[in-house]
Amino acid sequence: MASAKATTQARSTTSPKPDAIAKPARPKGARRTTPSPETLAALGPDRLIGLILGETARNPTFKKLVTAALASLQGPDAVAAMIDRRLTALESAQGYIDWQKRRAFAADLNATVTVILNELRPLDAGAALERLKRFLDGADSVLNRVDDSTGAVQGVYERATEAFVAIAAALSPAEAARVAAGLVGPFTADPFGPLGTLLTEMVPTLDPDTLSEIDTALAQAASGLAKAGKARSQADHRHIAARGQILRQRQVIADRRNDADAYIALEREIAPGQEDRLSIAQRLLAAGRAQEALDWIRREQEAGLRIVTRADLIAGFDPRGPDRARKALEIEILDALGRREEAQALRWALFERDLDAPMLRAYLAKLPDFEDEEALLRALDHAEAYGNPHRALAFLVGWPDLPRAAGLVEEKRKVWLGEHYSVLAPAAEALAQDHPLAATILYRRLLDGILESGRSAAYAHGARYLLELDGLADRLAAGAIDPSPAAYRERLRRDHGRKHAFWGLLRD
């Protein structure tokens, strides 16, 4: 027994522990398994050929790419013939592509574009452009028979459009203009169609000296379409819309040629009596015709209909924006004319009217030394007395002048509305460090607004506001606010104790 025990002990001292067992060394010359030119070259041509053939049997899209690569060895005609067969099939197809087949269909379309770009373009750029144009010409037909709720198929056509413009831009200026001229007919027939979009994308890339022929063709097409006015039929509506797009395209050409007069003439034709004064004045100023620009920007104009979309509202649409843009350009024009005092007076007027901080900063920057401090004090006094206290608070916090902002909050305790959270929340956060009373007033108004209106979606914000109030309570002087922090909490419990979703956030 002793001998066996000794043997066991000897084995336990000489045998390595499982954790200590060394991993087998990587054989010399071993390579990584990530595919790369180096790692794939090590497989050798026979192994790679086998892998490629196996994938072509499983993947029709991959097979198309391999077939096109082989066709390119025979020259551009072989690749073009292969592409033409696929385009003919697309043009004659009528079956509906549902969501189950959409992914494979989009992959097949994308492979067609890839073949045009990777195999045909290096051999014959002109032939590649012709095939892309034909592919895009069939976009409407294809999109009308496919469930493209994800936008995958539309994305393929957008890729083809970008590729067409890029290939054309690499041509000589004369050749690129010739390609663009060939798109005038499709554009005038359907400015919003896929081929019409091509011309819109190409014109800004063309040499200005090559645009005369295109502009002339567009002018002739516009003259044959109905002018804006009372439309009598659906066809009239289409003609009016097409004519407007053609004229806008001619304005792009005018800009490319730096021809302000042509741009203005077209604007008068597009919207007689309702011309875009801002765009006209911008171009005249850029052309060094500041006095004419001033005349245009100051012209009286009837207020037109402005349709505000949901996207505008989400982006924070400001109805004062267009007027501010015109006034800002007028100031720029006055500066260009050397009429400094008029420009300064307009800057101050815009600040006084809207508490426009950028205008005030520009106004102060233009003042002589030592005059800016007095002007700033006058501006801040005006902001404090401004008729809209919420806008005044936003200005003072943003400037920033936090002591004045705190004074305004404390002076007008009853006017703050929780619905203006975009102003009150950042103001409370900015004031919390050095002005706890003002921050408390604002946080209470924010919280009251949420709970009184039962906005459950904002309960998480309300819980955070209450925690902020708890943190501010110890920094308030006794009797600084009524009700006291404890009494305010008790009132919340009494009035809103049944809002369990809110109080549950605090327990968590």
Protein backbone atom coordinates (compact mmCIF):
# COMPACT_ATOMS: atom_id res chain seq x y z
CA MET A 1 0.00 0.00 0.00
CA ALA A 2 2.88 2.35 0.89
CA SER A 3 4.52 1.61 -2.45
CA ALA A 4 1.31 2.40 -4.33
CA LYS A 5 0.86 5.59 -2.36
CA ALA A 6 4.40 6.68 -3.09
CA THR A 7 3.88 5.96 -6.76
CA THR A 8 0.69 8.08 -6.77
CA GLN A 9 2.49 10.97 -5.06
CA ALA A 10 5.33 10.76 -7.54
CA ARG A 11 2.88 10.96 -10.45
CA SER A 12 1.08 13.92 -8.91
CA THR A 13 4.32 15.86 -8.58
CA THR A 14 5.60 15.08 -12.02
CA SER A 15 2.38 15.30 -14.08
CA PRO A 16 1.37 18.86 -15.18
CA LYS A 17 -1.96 20.28 -14.07
CA PRO A 18 -4.66 20.44 -16.76
CA ASP A 19 -4.53 24.27 -16.83
CA ALA A 20 -0.80 24.18 -17.27
CA ILE A 21 -0.80 21.97 -20.36
CA ALA A 22 0.81 23.93 -23.19
CA LYS A 23 -1.19 24.51 -26.34
CA PRO A 24 0.24 22.89 -29.43
CA ALA A 25 2.46 25.27 -31.30
CA ARG A 26 1.16 26.59 -34.61
CA PRO A 27 2.99 24.80 -37.42
CA LYS A 28 5.61 26.84 -39.15
CA GLY A 29 4.17 28.77 -42.08
CA ALA A 30 0.57 28.48 -40.84
CA ARG A 31 -1.66 31.23 -42.28
CA ARG A 32 -4.73 33.05 -41.07
CA THR A 33 -8.13 31.88 -42.31
CA THR A 34 -9.50 35.34 -43.16
CA PRO A 35 -9.86 35.56 -46.97
CA SER A 36 -7.32 37.95 -48.49
CA PRO A 37 -5.17 37.96 -51.62
CA GLU A 38 -2.37 36.27 -49.68
CA THR A 39 -4.45 33.59 -47.94
CA LEU A 40 -6.45 32.74 -51.05
CA ALA A 41 -3.30 32.46 -53.18
CA ALA A 42 -2.13 29.69 -50.85
CA LEU A 43 -5.12 27.54 -51.83
CA GLY A 44 -3.87 27.17 -55.37
CA PRO A 45 -5.82 27.55 -58.63
CA ASP A 46 -7.44 24.09 -58.63
CA ARG A 47 -8.93 24.52 -55.16
CA LEU A 48 -10.18 28.02 -55.98
CA ILE A 49 -11.74 26.85 -59.25
CA GLY A 50 -13.62 24.19 -57.34
CA LEU A 51 -14.92 26.69 -54.81
CA ILE A 52 -16.04 29.05 -57.59
CA LEU A 53 -17.84 26.32 -59.50
CA GLY A 54 -19.58 25.19 -56.35
CA GLU A 55 -20.80 28.71 -55.60
CA THR A 56 -22.01 29.26 -59.18
CA ALA A 57 -24.17 26.16 -58.82
CA ARG A 58 -25.75 27.54 -55.62
CA ASN A 59 -25.86 31.29 -56.28
CA PRO A 60 -27.40 32.60 -59.57
CA THR A 61 -26.23 36.16 -58.88
CA PHE A 62 -22.64 35.04 -58.38
CA LYS A 63 -22.88 32.91 -61.52
CA LYS A 64 -23.91 36.00 -63.48
CA LEU A 65 -20.84 37.89 -62.25
CA VAL A 66 -18.51 35.04 -63.14
CA THR A 67 -20.09 34.62 -66.57
CA ALA A 68 -19.68 38.35 -67.25
CA ALA A 69 -16.03 38.23 -66.18
CA LEU A 70 -15.45 35.39 -68.65
CA ALA A 71 -17.32 37.28 -71.38
CA SER A 72 -15.06 40.31 -70.85
CA LEU A 73 -12.13 38.19 -72.07
CA GLN A 74 -13.85 38.14 -75.46
CA GLY A 75 -14.27 41.93 -75.62
CA PRO A 76 -16.99 44.54 -75.01
CA ASP A 77 -19.43 43.11 -77.57
CA ALA A 78 -19.73 39.82 -75.66
CA VAL A 79 -20.40 41.64 -72.35
CA ALA A 80 -22.86 44.02 -74.02
CA ALA A 81 -24.75 41.10 -75.58
CA MET A 82 -25.08 39.44 -72.20
CA ILE A 83 -26.40 42.66 -70.62
CA ASP A 84 -28.79 43.26 -73.51
CA ARG A 85 -30.35 39.83 -73.03
CA ARG A 86 -31.07 40.63 -69.40
CA LEU A 87 -32.46 44.09 -70.23
CA THR A 88 -34.75 42.61 -72.89
CA ALA A 89 -36.06 40.12 -70.34
CA LEU A 90 -36.74 42.92 -67.86
CA GLU A 91 -38.55 44.99 -70.46
CA SER A 92 -40.84 42.14 -71.52
CA ALA A 93 -41.59 40.77 -68.05
CA GLN A 94 -45.04 41.41 -66.59
CA GLY A 95 -45.20 39.20 -63.49
CA TYR A 96 -45.62 40.73 -60.03
CA ILE A 97 -42.70 40.40 -57.61
CA ASP A 98 -44.00 40.00 -54.06
CA TRP A 99 -42.04 40.56 -50.85
CA GLN A 100 -40.87 36.94 -50.73
CA LYS A 101 -39.05 37.25 -54.06
CA ARG A 102 -38.01 40.89 -53.66
CA ARG A 103 -34.61 40.24 -52.13
CA ALA A 104 -33.46 37.89 -54.87
CA PHE A 105 -34.90 40.20 -57.54
CA ALA A 106 -33.08 43.23 -56.12
CA ALA A 107 -29.83 41.23 -55.98
CA ASP A 108 -30.27 40.26 -59.63
CA LEU A 109 -30.87 43.89 -60.66
CA ASN A 110 -27.86 45.00 -58.66
CA ALA A 111 -25.72 42.34 -60.35
CA THR A 112 -26.77 43.73 -63.74
CA VAL A 113 -25.54 47.18 -62.72
CA THR A 114 -22.33 45.68 -61.33
CA VAL A 115 -21.63 43.92 -64.63
CA ILE A 116 -22.13 47.17 -66.54
CA LEU A 117 -19.76 49.03 -64.22
CA ASN A 118 -17.08 46.42 -63.57
CA GLU A 119 -16.93 44.56 -66.87
CA LEU A 120 -18.31 46.78 -69.65
CA ARG A 121 -17.25 50.24 -68.51
CA PRO A 122 -13.46 49.52 -68.53
CA LEU A 123 -13.82 48.17 -72.08
CA ASP A 124 -16.24 50.73 -73.56
CA ALA A 125 -17.55 53.64 -71.46
CA GLY A 126 -19.97 54.72 -74.18
CA ALA A 127 -21.56 51.28 -74.34
CA ALA A 128 -21.82 51.25 -70.54
CA LEU A 129 -23.69 54.58 -70.62
CA GLU A 130 -26.11 53.27 -73.25
CA ARG A 131 -26.91 50.21 -71.11
CA LEU A 132 -27.35 52.25 -67.95
CA LYS A 133 -29.69 54.59 -69.81
CA ARG A 134 -31.72 51.64 -71.08
CA PHE A 135 -31.77 50.10 -67.59
CA LEU A 136 -33.04 53.36 -66.07
CA ASP A 137 -35.59 53.83 -68.84
CA GLY A 138 -37.33 50.69 -67.61
CA ALA A 139 -37.40 51.78 -63.96
CA ASP A 140 -41.05 52.80 -63.87
CA SER A 141 -42.18 49.53 -65.44
CA VAL A 142 -40.19 47.48 -62.94
CA LEU A 143 -41.18 49.50 -59.88
CA ASN A 144 -44.84 49.21 -60.84
CA ARG A 145 -44.72 45.43 -60.58
CA VAL A 146 -42.65 44.93 -57.44
CA ASP A 147 -43.41 45.20 -53.73
CA ASP A 148 -40.60 47.61 -52.85
CA SER A 149 -41.71 48.62 -49.37
CA THR A 150 -38.10 48.46 -48.16
CA GLY A 151 -36.77 50.66 -50.99
CA ALA A 152 -34.20 48.01 -51.99
CA VAL A 153 -35.14 48.05 -55.68
CA GLN A 154 -35.32 51.84 -55.76
CA GLY A 155 -31.83 51.88 -54.27
CA VAL A 156 -30.50 49.90 -57.24
CA TYR A 157 -31.86 52.51 -59.66
CA GLU A 158 -30.37 55.30 -57.56
CA ARG A 159 -27.02 53.54 -57.76
CA ALA A 160 -27.37 53.32 -61.55
CA THR A 161 -28.20 57.05 -61.73
CA GLU A 162 -25.13 58.00 -59.70
CA ALA A 163 -22.96 55.73 -61.84
CA PHE A 164 -24.29 57.24 -65.08
CA VAL A 165 -23.47 60.77 -63.91
CA ALA A 166 -20.01 59.70 -62.73
CA ILE A 167 -19.16 58.01 -66.03
CA ALA A 168 -20.42 60.99 -68.04
CA ALA A 169 -18.41 63.39 -65.89
CA ALA A 170 -15.22 61.52 -66.83
CA LEU A 171 -15.81 62.14 -70.54
CA SER A 172 -14.47 65.13 -72.42
CA PRO A 173 -16.59 68.31 -71.97
CA ALA A 174 -17.95 68.07 -75.53
CA GLU A 175 -18.78 64.37 -75.25
CA ALA A 176 -20.44 64.84 -71.83
CA ALA A 177 -22.56 67.65 -73.30
CA ARG A 178 -23.55 65.39 -76.19
CA VAL A 179 -24.72 62.72 -73.75
CA ALA A 180 -26.70 65.32 -71.81
CA ALA A 181 -28.27 66.67 -74.99
CA GLY A 182 -29.57 63.18 -75.68
CA LEU A 183 -31.48 63.36 -72.40
CA VAL A 184 -33.36 66.56 -73.24
CA GLY A 185 -36.14 64.66 -75.02
CA PRO A 186 -36.83 62.27 -72.12
CA PHE A 187 -36.58 65.16 -69.67
CA THR A 188 -39.11 67.34 -71.45
CA ALA A 189 -41.43 64.33 -71.85
CA ASP A 190 -41.23 63.44 -68.15
CA PRO A 191 -39.07 65.76 -66.00
CA PHE A 192 -39.78 63.65 -62.93
CA GLY A 193 -38.98 60.32 -64.59
CA PRO A 194 -35.72 58.37 -64.19
CA LEU A 195 -34.17 59.74 -67.39
CA GLY A 196 -35.36 63.25 -66.56
CA THR A 197 -33.53 62.92 -63.26
CA LEU A 198 -30.35 62.09 -65.16
CA LEU A 199 -30.35 65.46 -66.93
CA THR A 200 -31.05 67.26 -63.65
CA GLU A 201 -28.07 65.51 -62.06
CA MET A 202 -25.77 66.07 -65.03
CA VAL A 203 -26.24 69.77 -65.80
CA PRO A 204 -24.39 71.06 -62.71
CA THR A 205 -21.36 68.95 -63.72
CA LEU A 206 -21.13 70.17 -67.35
CA ASP A 207 -18.76 72.78 -68.71
CA PRO A 208 -20.66 76.11 -68.89
CA ASP A 209 -19.42 76.69 -72.43
CA THR A 210 -21.17 73.53 -73.67
CA LEU A 211 -24.67 74.31 -72.38
CA SER A 212 -26.03 76.50 -75.19
CA GLU A 213 -27.44 73.63 -77.25
CA ILE A 214 -29.18 72.11 -74.22
CA ASP A 215 -30.62 75.45 -73.15
CA THR A 216 -31.97 76.12 -76.65
CA ALA A 217 -33.62 72.71 -76.82
CA LEU A 218 -35.21 73.24 -73.39
CA ALA A 219 -36.50 76.66 -74.43
CA GLN A 220 -38.12 75.21 -77.52
CA ALA A 221 -39.76 72.45 -75.48
CA ALA A 222 -41.11 74.92 -72.91
CA SER A 223 -42.64 77.14 -75.59
CA GLY A 224 -44.86 74.30 -76.73
CA LEU A 225 -46.33 73.63 -73.27
CA ALA A 226 -49.22 75.36 -71.53
CA LYS A 227 -48.31 78.26 -69.28
CA ALA A 228 -49.29 78.36 -65.65
CA GLY A 229 -52.91 79.38 -65.30
CA LYS A 230 -56.29 77.76 -65.22
CA ALA A 231 -55.87 74.12 -66.14
CA ARG A 232 -58.78 72.59 -68.03
CA SER A 233 -57.73 68.96 -68.00
CA GLN A 234 -55.32 66.52 -66.44
CA ALA A 235 -53.10 66.93 -69.48
CA ASP A 236 -52.97 70.68 -68.85
CA HIS A 237 -51.84 70.01 -65.30
CA ARG A 238 -49.06 67.76 -66.56
CA HIS A 239 -47.97 70.32 -69.14
CA ILE A 240 -47.90 73.14 -66.58
CA ALA A 241 -45.83 71.01 -64.17
CA ALA A 242 -43.45 69.93 -66.93
CA ARG A 243 -43.02 73.49 -68.14
CA GLY A 244 -42.18 74.65 -64.63
CA GLN A 245 -39.50 71.98 -64.29
CA ILE A 246 -38.03 72.83 -67.68
CA LEU A 247 -37.77 76.50 -66.74
CA ARG A 248 -36.18 75.60 -63.41
CA GLN A 249 -33.67 73.47 -65.28
CA ARG A 250 -32.88 76.44 -67.49
CA GLN A 251 -32.26 78.46 -64.34
CA VAL A 252 -29.66 75.90 -63.28
CA ILE A 253 -28.01 76.41 -66.66
CA ALA A 254 -28.14 80.19 -66.15
CA ASP A 255 -26.39 79.76 -62.81
CA ARG A 256 -23.72 77.56 -64.39
CA ARG A 257 -23.09 80.33 -66.90
CA ASN A 258 -23.19 83.06 -64.21
CA ASP A 259 -25.94 84.78 -66.18
CA ALA A 260 -28.00 86.67 -63.59
CA ASP A 261 -30.14 88.37 -66.24
CA ALA A 262 -31.18 85.05 -67.76
CA TYR A 263 -32.01 83.73 -64.29
CA ILE A 264 -34.19 86.77 -63.53
CA ALA A 265 -35.99 86.56 -66.88
CA LEU A 266 -36.80 82.91 -66.21
CA GLU A 267 -38.00 83.71 -62.68
CA ARG A 268 -40.36 86.31 -64.09
CA GLU A 269 -41.69 83.72 -66.50
CA ILE A 270 -42.13 81.09 -63.79
CA ALA A 271 -43.84 83.28 -61.21
CA PRO A 272 -44.83 86.65 -62.64
CA GLY A 273 -45.45 89.04 -59.76
CA GLN A 274 -44.36 86.41 -57.23
CA GLU A 275 -40.66 86.20 -58.10
CA ASP A 276 -38.26 84.88 -55.48
CA ARG A 277 -36.72 88.19 -54.44
CA LEU A 278 -34.13 86.51 -52.24
CA SER A 279 -32.68 84.29 -54.96
CA ILE A 280 -32.61 87.15 -57.46
CA ALA A 281 -30.92 89.54 -55.04
CA GLN A 282 -28.33 86.89 -54.10
CA ARG A 283 -27.30 86.49 -57.73
CA LEU A 284 -27.17 90.21 -58.40
CA LEU A 285 -25.01 90.75 -55.32
CA ALA A 286 -22.67 87.94 -56.40
CA ALA A 287 -22.44 89.62 -59.83
CA GLY A 288 -21.32 92.89 -58.20
CA ARG A 289 -24.65 94.66 -58.87
CA ALA A 290 -25.42 95.57 -55.27
CA GLN A 291 -27.78 98.48 -55.98
CA GLU A 292 -29.99 96.32 -58.22
CA ALA A 293 -29.90 93.64 -55.54
CA LEU A 294 -31.10 96.16 -52.97
CA ASP A 295 -33.96 97.24 -55.22
CA TRP A 296 -35.10 93.63 -55.58
CA ILE A 297 -34.85 92.69 -51.91
CA ARG A 298 -36.91 95.74 -50.93
CA ARG A 299 -39.70 95.14 -53.42
CA GLU A 300 -43.15 94.70 -51.96
CA GLN A 301 -44.52 91.23 -52.48
CA GLU A 302 -47.84 89.67 -51.64
CA ALA A 303 -47.64 86.94 -49.07
CA GLY A 304 -47.91 83.63 -50.87
CA LEU A 305 -49.32 80.38 -49.55
CA ARG A 306 -46.80 78.49 -47.44
CA ILE A 307 -47.59 74.83 -46.88
CA VAL A 308 -45.97 73.63 -43.67
CA THR A 309 -45.29 69.90 -43.73
CA ARG A 310 -44.86 67.53 -40.83
CA ALA A 311 -41.14 67.42 -41.65
CA ASP A 312 -41.01 71.22 -41.30
CA LEU A 313 -42.60 71.02 -37.86
CA ILE A 314 -40.22 68.28 -36.72
CA ALA A 315 -37.28 70.36 -37.94
CA GLY A 316 -38.54 73.33 -35.92
CA PHE A 317 -40.07 75.43 -38.68
CA ASP A 318 -39.99 79.14 -37.81
CA PRO A 319 -42.45 81.29 -39.79
CA ARG A 320 -40.15 84.26 -39.28
CA GLY A 321 -37.32 82.48 -41.08
CA PRO A 322 -37.99 83.70 -44.64
CA ASP A 323 -38.32 87.32 -43.53
CA ARG A 324 -35.14 87.07 -41.47
CA ALA A 325 -33.27 85.66 -44.46
CA ARG A 326 -34.38 88.61 -46.59
CA LYS A 327 -33.39 91.11 -43.91
CA ALA A 328 -30.02 89.42 -43.43
CA LEU A 329 -29.35 89.69 -47.17
CA GLU A 330 -30.46 93.33 -47.17
CA ILE A 331 -27.89 94.02 -44.44
CA GLU A 332 -25.20 92.27 -46.48
CA ILE A 333 -26.11 94.38 -49.50
CA LEU A 334 -26.03 97.61 -47.47
CA ASP A 335 -22.57 96.70 -46.20
CA ALA A 336 -21.45 96.08 -49.78
CA LEU A 337 -22.73 99.55 -50.72
CA GLY A 338 -20.87 101.13 -47.79
CA ARG A 339 -24.12 102.20 -46.09
CA ARG A 340 -22.96 101.18 -42.64
CA GLU A 341 -25.41 103.16 -40.52
CA GLU A 342 -28.43 101.73 -42.37
CA ALA A 343 -27.07 98.21 -41.95
CA GLN A 344 -26.53 98.75 -38.22
CA ALA A 345 -30.01 100.23 -37.78
CA LEU A 346 -31.53 97.17 -39.45
CA ARG A 347 -29.49 94.80 -37.27
CA TRP A 348 -30.72 96.55 -34.13
CA ALA A 349 -34.31 96.59 -35.36
CA LEU A 350 -34.22 92.82 -35.95
CA PHE A 351 -32.79 92.27 -32.50
CA GLU A 352 -35.43 94.47 -30.89
CA ARG A 353 -38.25 92.73 -32.74
CA ASP A 354 -37.24 89.08 -32.27
CA LEU A 355 -34.41 89.07 -29.70
CA ASP A 356 -32.21 87.82 -32.51
CA ALA A 357 -28.92 86.97 -30.79
CA PRO A 358 -26.79 86.56 -33.98
CA MET A 359 -27.98 90.00 -35.15
CA LEU A 360 -27.03 91.53 -31.80
CA ARG A 361 -23.59 89.94 -31.91
CA ALA A 362 -23.07 91.28 -35.44
CA TYR A 363 -24.30 94.71 -34.33
CA LEU A 364 -21.89 94.82 -31.38
CA ALA A 365 -18.97 93.61 -33.51
CA LYS A 366 -19.45 96.57 -35.87
CA LEU A 367 -19.39 99.20 -33.10
CA PRO A 368 -16.27 101.25 -32.29
CA ASP A 369 -14.27 100.29 -29.22
CA PHE A 370 -15.86 101.17 -25.84
CA GLU A 371 -19.31 101.65 -27.37
CA ASP A 372 -20.19 97.96 -27.37
CA GLU A 373 -20.49 97.65 -23.57
CA GLU A 374 -23.09 100.40 -23.32
CA ALA A 375 -24.98 98.93 -26.28
CA LEU A 376 -24.94 95.47 -24.70
CA LEU A 377 -26.42 96.78 -21.44
CA ARG A 378 -29.15 98.50 -23.42
CA ALA A 379 -29.84 95.26 -25.30
CA LEU A 380 -30.05 93.18 -22.11
CA ASP A 381 -32.42 95.72 -20.55
CA HIS A 382 -34.59 95.43 -23.64
CA ALA A 383 -34.54 91.62 -23.40
CA GLU A 384 -35.66 91.67 -19.76
CA ALA A 385 -38.62 93.89 -20.64
CA TYR A 386 -39.55 91.93 -23.78
CA GLY A 387 -43.23 91.17 -24.15
CA ASN A 388 -42.79 87.39 -24.49
CA PRO A 389 -41.14 86.21 -21.24
CA HIS A 390 -40.38 82.72 -22.55
CA ARG A 391 -38.47 84.12 -25.51
CA ALA A 392 -36.73 86.58 -23.18
CA LEU A 393 -35.66 83.74 -20.89
CA ALA A 394 -34.35 81.70 -23.83
CA PHE A 395 -32.32 84.70 -25.00
CA LEU A 396 -30.81 85.48 -21.57
CA VAL A 397 -29.87 81.85 -20.94
CA GLY A 398 -28.42 81.44 -24.41
CA TRP A 399 -26.45 84.71 -24.42
CA PRO A 400 -25.65 83.90 -21.53
CA ASP A 401 -26.54 86.26 -18.68
CA LEU A 402 -27.68 83.87 -15.96
CA PRO A 403 -28.11 86.44 -13.16
CA ARG A 404 -30.57 88.38 -15.32
CA ALA A 405 -32.28 85.15 -16.36
CA ALA A 406 -32.68 84.15 -12.71
CA GLY A 407 -34.05 87.59 -11.85
CA LEU A 408 -36.59 87.31 -14.66
CA VAL A 409 -37.73 83.87 -13.47
CA GLU A 410 -38.15 85.04 -9.89
CA GLU A 411 -39.90 88.26 -10.88
CA LYS A 412 -42.45 86.52 -13.12
CA ARG A 413 -43.01 83.32 -11.11
CA LYS A 414 -46.59 82.82 -12.24
CA VAL A 415 -46.15 83.19 -16.01
CA TRP A 416 -44.04 80.14 -16.80
CA LEU A 417 -45.86 77.37 -18.66
CA GLY A 418 -44.67 73.79 -18.57
CA GLU A 419 -45.68 73.29 -22.19
CA HIS A 420 -42.69 75.46 -23.14
CA TYR A 421 -40.35 72.72 -21.95
CA SER A 422 -37.88 73.39 -24.77
CA VAL A 423 -37.15 76.72 -23.05
CA LEU A 424 -37.77 75.93 -19.40
CA ALA A 425 -35.85 72.62 -19.15
CA PRO A 426 -32.48 73.90 -20.44
CA ALA A 427 -32.95 77.14 -18.47
CA ALA A 428 -33.55 75.22 -15.23
CA GLU A 429 -30.49 73.07 -15.87
CA ALA A 430 -28.32 76.13 -16.54
CA LEU A 431 -29.57 77.97 -13.43
CA ALA A 432 -29.40 75.04 -10.99
CA GLN A 433 -25.74 75.53 -10.04
CA ASP A 434 -25.78 79.17 -8.91
CA HIS A 435 -29.47 80.10 -8.81
CA PRO A 436 -31.35 77.32 -6.99
CA LEU A 437 -34.51 79.36 -6.39
CA ALA A 438 -34.99 80.17 -10.08
CA ALA A 439 -34.22 76.55 -11.05
CA THR A 440 -36.77 75.34 -8.46
CA ILE A 441 -39.48 77.59 -9.88
CA LEU A 442 -38.90 76.26 -13.38
CA TYR A 443 -38.64 72.60 -12.42
CA ARG A 444 -41.91 72.90 -10.50
CA ARG A 445 -43.66 74.44 -13.49
CA LEU A 446 -42.31 71.67 -15.73
CA LEU A 447 -43.42 68.93 -13.35
CA ASP A 448 -46.83 70.49 -12.75
CA GLY A 449 -47.40 70.75 -16.47
CA ILE A 450 -46.68 67.04 -16.98
CA LEU A 451 -48.81 65.78 -14.11
CA GLU A 452 -51.74 68.15 -14.53
CA SER A 453 -52.09 67.21 -18.20
CA GLY A 454 -51.47 63.52 -17.53
CA ARG A 455 -48.73 63.25 -20.17
CA SER A 456 -47.63 59.72 -19.33
CA ALA A 457 -45.03 59.72 -22.11
CA ALA A 458 -43.20 62.47 -20.19
CA TYR A 459 -43.38 60.82 -16.75
CA ALA A 460 -39.71 59.83 -16.94
CA HIS A 461 -38.80 63.49 -17.38
CA GLY A 462 -41.13 64.42 -14.55
CA ALA A 463 -39.46 61.92 -12.23
CA ARG A 464 -36.08 63.42 -13.07
CA TYR A 465 -37.41 66.92 -12.38
CA LEU A 466 -38.66 65.83 -8.95
CA LEU A 467 -35.25 64.38 -8.12
CA GLU A 468 -33.66 67.66 -9.19
CA LEU A 469 -36.07 69.49 -6.87
CA ASP A 470 -35.06 67.21 -4.01
CA GLY A 471 -31.42 68.10 -4.62
CA LEU A 472 -32.18 71.84 -4.75
CA ALA A 473 -34.32 71.82 -1.58
CA ASP A 474 -31.37 71.89 0.84
CA ARG A 475 -29.89 74.93 -0.92
CA LEU A 476 -32.99 77.11 -0.62
CA ALA A 477 -33.22 79.73 2.09
CA ALA A 478 -36.04 79.23 4.60
CA GLY A 479 -39.24 80.74 3.26
CA ALA A 480 -37.72 81.41 -0.16
CA ILE A 481 -40.54 79.67 -1.95
CA ASP A 482 -44.15 78.85 -1.18
CA PRO A 483 -45.09 76.11 -0.76
CA SER A 484 -42.00 74.76 0.95
CA PRO A 485 -40.28 71.71 -0.59
CA ALA A 486 -41.96 69.37 1.92
CA ALA A 487 -45.38 70.96 1.40
CA TYR A 488 -44.91 70.82 -2.39
CA ARG A 489 -44.16 67.08 -2.22
CA GLU A 490 -47.21 66.55 -0.01
CA ARG A 491 -49.38 68.43 -2.50
CA LEU A 492 -48.10 66.30 -5.35
CA ARG A 493 -49.03 63.16 -3.43
CA ARG A 494 -52.46 64.53 -2.64
CA ASP A 495 -53.29 65.73 -6.16
CA HIS A 496 -51.55 63.06 -8.22
CA GLY A 497 -51.15 60.09 -5.91
CA ARG A 498 -53.16 57.84 -8.24
CA LYS A 499 -50.67 58.31 -11.10
CA HIS A 500 -48.93 55.04 -10.21
CA ALA A 501 -46.87 54.97 -13.41
CA PHE A 502 -45.19 58.20 -12.31
CA TRP A 503 -44.54 57.26 -8.68
CA GLY A 504 -43.34 53.83 -9.74
CA LEU A 505 -40.45 55.47 -11.59
CA LEU A 506 -39.33 57.10 -8.35
CA ARG A 507 -39.43 53.83 -6.40
CA ASP A 508 -37.25 52.20 -9.05
